[in-house]
Amino acid sequence: MALEFNDSNFDELVMSSEKPVLVDFWAEWCGPCRMVGPIVEELAGEYDGKAVIGKVNVDENQEVAAKFGIRNIPTLLVFKNGEIVDKQVGVASKNALAAKLEGAM
């Protein structure tokens, strides 16, 4: 299951992670976000123990969204050692997101 990242736990769970991290920036009202959500959940199960996968609700966590300049959702960022190494704006296939995650491993 994907983790819930927020303004208070983001640095600890994402920026300090020793594993690659996939972060899905989303909102309840966003149709394309609802398409990506199940893919993110599947990836969270498949990469359990190998990567950290979670979501940030941009309506509830505006500080983190602003920090990374999130203007369009869904936006998915891949972090490695606290640095953004890949980015996807908009809907993408499971294979495309898995490839981005693999690239960070």
Protein backbone atom coordinates (compact mmCIF):
# COMPACT_ATOMS: atom_id res chain seq x y z
CA MET A 1 0.00 0.00 0.00
CA ALA A 2 1.26 3.46 -0.91
CA LEU A 3 2.30 5.66 2.00
CA GLU A 4 0.69 9.01 2.71
CA PHE A 5 3.37 11.69 2.60
CA ASN A 6 2.56 15.09 4.10
CA ASP A 7 4.19 18.39 5.00
CA SER A 8 5.44 17.05 8.33
CA ASN A 9 6.79 13.60 7.32
CA PHE A 10 8.06 14.32 3.78
CA ASP A 11 11.68 15.08 4.68
CA GLU A 12 11.96 12.02 6.90
CA LEU A 13 10.27 9.53 4.54
CA VAL A 14 11.37 10.88 1.16
CA MET A 15 14.43 13.12 1.42
CA SER A 16 16.22 10.88 3.94
CA SER A 17 15.31 7.55 2.33
CA GLU A 18 18.15 5.23 1.38
CA LYS A 19 15.86 3.59 -1.21
CA PRO A 20 14.48 5.22 -4.36
CA VAL A 21 11.17 6.99 -3.76
CA LEU A 22 8.21 7.52 -6.12
CA VAL A 23 5.93 10.36 -5.05
CA ASP A 24 2.50 10.87 -6.61
CA PHE A 25 1.22 14.46 -6.20
CA TRP A 26 -2.58 14.28 -6.53
CA ALA A 27 -5.96 15.66 -5.39
CA GLU A 28 -9.43 14.15 -4.81
CA TRP A 29 -11.08 16.23 -7.55
CA CYS A 30 -8.52 15.34 -10.23
CA GLY A 31 -9.81 12.81 -12.78
CA PRO A 32 -6.42 11.83 -14.23
CA CYS A 33 -5.14 11.39 -10.65
CA ARG A 34 -7.81 8.74 -10.11
CA MET A 35 -6.45 6.91 -13.16
CA VAL A 36 -2.89 6.94 -11.83
CA GLY A 37 -3.83 6.07 -8.23
CA PRO A 38 -4.41 2.32 -8.76
CA ILE A 39 -1.15 2.07 -10.73
CA VAL A 40 0.75 3.69 -7.85
CA GLU A 41 -0.88 1.22 -5.42
CA GLU A 42 0.16 -1.74 -7.61
CA LEU A 43 3.73 -0.47 -7.81
CA ALA A 44 3.80 -0.01 -4.03
CA GLY A 45 3.02 -3.71 -3.62
CA GLU A 46 5.45 -4.88 -6.29
CA TYR A 47 8.36 -2.75 -5.05
CA ASP A 48 7.76 -3.35 -1.34
CA GLY A 49 11.18 -3.54 0.33
CA LYS A 50 12.98 -2.24 -2.79
CA ALA A 51 11.56 1.28 -3.04
CA VAL A 52 9.36 3.68 -1.10
CA ILE A 53 6.14 4.66 -2.86
CA GLY A 54 3.62 7.18 -1.65
CA LYS A 55 1.24 10.02 -2.38
CA VAL A 56 0.93 13.68 -1.46
CA ASN A 57 -2.52 15.26 -1.47
CA VAL A 58 -1.69 18.74 -2.81
CA ASP A 59 -4.82 20.31 -1.33
CA GLU A 60 -3.85 19.20 2.18
CA ASN A 61 -0.06 19.60 1.84
CA GLN A 62 0.58 22.82 -0.04
CA GLU A 63 4.01 23.37 1.53
CA VAL A 64 5.53 20.27 -0.10
CA ALA A 65 3.75 20.91 -3.39
CA ALA A 66 5.06 24.48 -3.47
CA LYS A 67 8.60 23.37 -2.56
CA PHE A 68 8.76 21.27 -5.73
CA GLY A 69 6.83 23.68 -7.94
CA ILE A 70 3.92 21.32 -8.56
CA ARG A 71 1.54 23.16 -10.89
CA ASN A 72 -0.13 20.28 -12.73
CA ILE A 73 -1.41 17.04 -11.30
CA PRO A 74 -0.86 14.23 -11.37
CA THR A 75 2.87 14.84 -11.15
CA LEU A 76 5.07 11.93 -10.16
CA LEU A 77 8.62 12.54 -8.97
CA VAL A 78 11.31 9.91 -8.50
CA PHE A 79 13.86 10.70 -5.78
CA LYS A 80 17.21 9.07 -5.12
CA ASN A 81 19.35 10.19 -2.18
CA GLY A 82 17.08 13.21 -1.68
CA GLU A 83 17.44 14.41 -5.28
CA ILE A 84 14.83 14.37 -8.06
CA VAL A 85 16.11 11.96 -10.73
CA ASP A 86 12.99 11.62 -12.87
CA LYS A 87 9.60 13.24 -13.39
CA GLN A 88 6.27 12.42 -15.02
CA VAL A 89 3.54 15.02 -15.49
CA GLY A 90 0.16 13.59 -16.40
CA VAL A 91 -1.08 10.04 -16.76
CA ALA A 92 1.47 7.35 -17.60
CA SER A 93 1.33 3.59 -17.96
CA LYS A 94 2.42 1.25 -15.22
CA ASN A 95 5.36 0.14 -17.39
CA ALA A 96 6.50 3.73 -17.91
CA LEU A 97 6.40 4.47 -14.17
CA ALA A 98 8.12 1.17 -13.33
CA ALA A 99 10.89 2.02 -15.82
CA LYS A 100 11.43 5.39 -14.12
CA LEU A 101 11.65 3.66 -10.74
CA GLU A 102 14.02 1.00 -12.10
CA GLY A 103 16.22 3.75 -13.49
CA ALA A 104 16.72 5.08 -9.95
CA MET A 105 17.74 1.72 -8.51
